[in-house]
Amino acid sequence: MNGAKPYEQLLAENENLRWQLYEATETIQAIRTGQIDALVVQGTEGHELYTLKTADHTYRIFIETMNEGAVTLNREGFILYSNSAFATMVELPLTKVFGLRFREFVSPDMQSAFDLLFNESWLGNKKEELSIKSINHTIVPCLLSVTPMQLDGGDCLSLILTDLTAQKETQKLLKIKNEELAQTNTALEISNQALNRSNSNLQQFAYVASHDLQEPLRKVQQFGDLLKNRYAGQLGDGVNYLERMQSAASRMSTLIRDLLSFSRISTQQDTIAPVSLSAVFKNVLTDLDLRIQETNAMITLSPLPDIQGDQSQLEQLFQNLVSNALKFRRPGERPVIHVSSKLLPTEDLPAFVKPTRQTAAYHRIDVSDNGIGFDEKYIDRIFQVFQRLHGKNEYVGTGIGLAICEKVVANHGGAISASSQPGQGATFSVYLPKP
């Protein structure tokens, strides 16, 4: 039979238990406050290490450092947990958020929608766009992702709030830009309608110019011929005035025809058919055959490419260039004209050549002659309407031919330039896009 423990032994054991309880209480408090990460416990097989950095601890760090707001609600909608991001959204210290109803932070116009979302989310995951109202009445548009959860305290809802402010601002700006674009399109449509009316008026004018204005001129010339034939003897020196009148009427008729050609080139841009430039020059030389014979001109052609364009416009372009070469010849010298072609990559184009359409390469068609040439300081003038470098008594013409050439080339997405020296001929270079 065991004897009773002495009183002193009982006191010692009691003191030892009291210290163990004190240490356990301190350890539990340290665990609660996160002051320790691990415990070393002495067991029957030696010391054992127990870490307190569990998945829950890692999860809390992740939630605290994420950009989205995160809150946990109980069945009554009270906030059991919140991260710092949500506290920033509602402009409150983190410690002031706990225990408040989440509904207090929902904007008034969306509280009914939140109530419906809150009730339905207990059955499964939900997403909804709602606006959160801060304590200072700042409205923050958010996407709420709601997930039901089971925690030690019972059923809970986990809410992740993604701030949509930047996205909404972008959508707002996009809407404004779309409205501006719509207004621009409307203005462009109105401008196109006005342009169509202008083109229609231009076509009507072209008809008037080609018919109604030419008819009075023909009458002037016809009656001038009658006066000259029947009354030349009675008119005396008046015949000279009559001939000058007829010459002026003839020049005016030519000017009207050239203006009509220029206006038609300005409005016609059917440049999508394949065109053989060899065939174009064949037709041009056929049309100019009489003048070629009269001037005893020598014309040579190198192989020429096919392009995309309008054949009638291209024939008018090169007919004007060849016609000028025949016109501006040196007195007493046989005109020599050479037409050649070269393919140039875009990067090899001269800096002053600005095609109206960008492409990888261009055909350069050179029309060179041995004529009177011109000073290159006038290069900007020669392609303008009514610009002439010589008097009308020296060389006939209206000063519209090269303006028509530039318009045709622009219609085809290309460019035109010229190089020359007085008395040393001229070369006109036409740059046309390679198909």
Foldseek 3Di string as FASTA:
>chain_A
DDDDDDPVVVVVVVVVVVVVVVVVVVVVVCLVVVVDQWDWDQDPVGIDIGGNCDPVVVVVVVQQPDQWKKFKADPVQFTQATHVNVCVVQVHPRVVRHGDHQLVFFPPVCSVVVVVVSVVQLVAWDWDWTWTQHPVRDTWIWIWIWHWDQDPVGIMIMIITDTCVVVVVVVVVVVVVVVVVVVVVVVVVVVVVVVVVVLVVLVVVLVCLLPVVLVVLVVLLVVLVVCCVPPVVVCPVVNVVSVVSNVVSVLVNQVSVLVSLLSVLLPDQQFAAKDQVVVLVVVLCVVCVVLCVVLVAAEEEDHGGIATGDSVLVSLLVSLVVVVQSQQADPPDHKYKYKYKDKAAPVPDDPPWDFQDDDGIWIKIKIWIQGQWDDCVCFVPQLDFQGDPDDCVRTPDRSHSNVSNQSRLNSQRGGKGKDTDGNGIIMIIRIGDHD
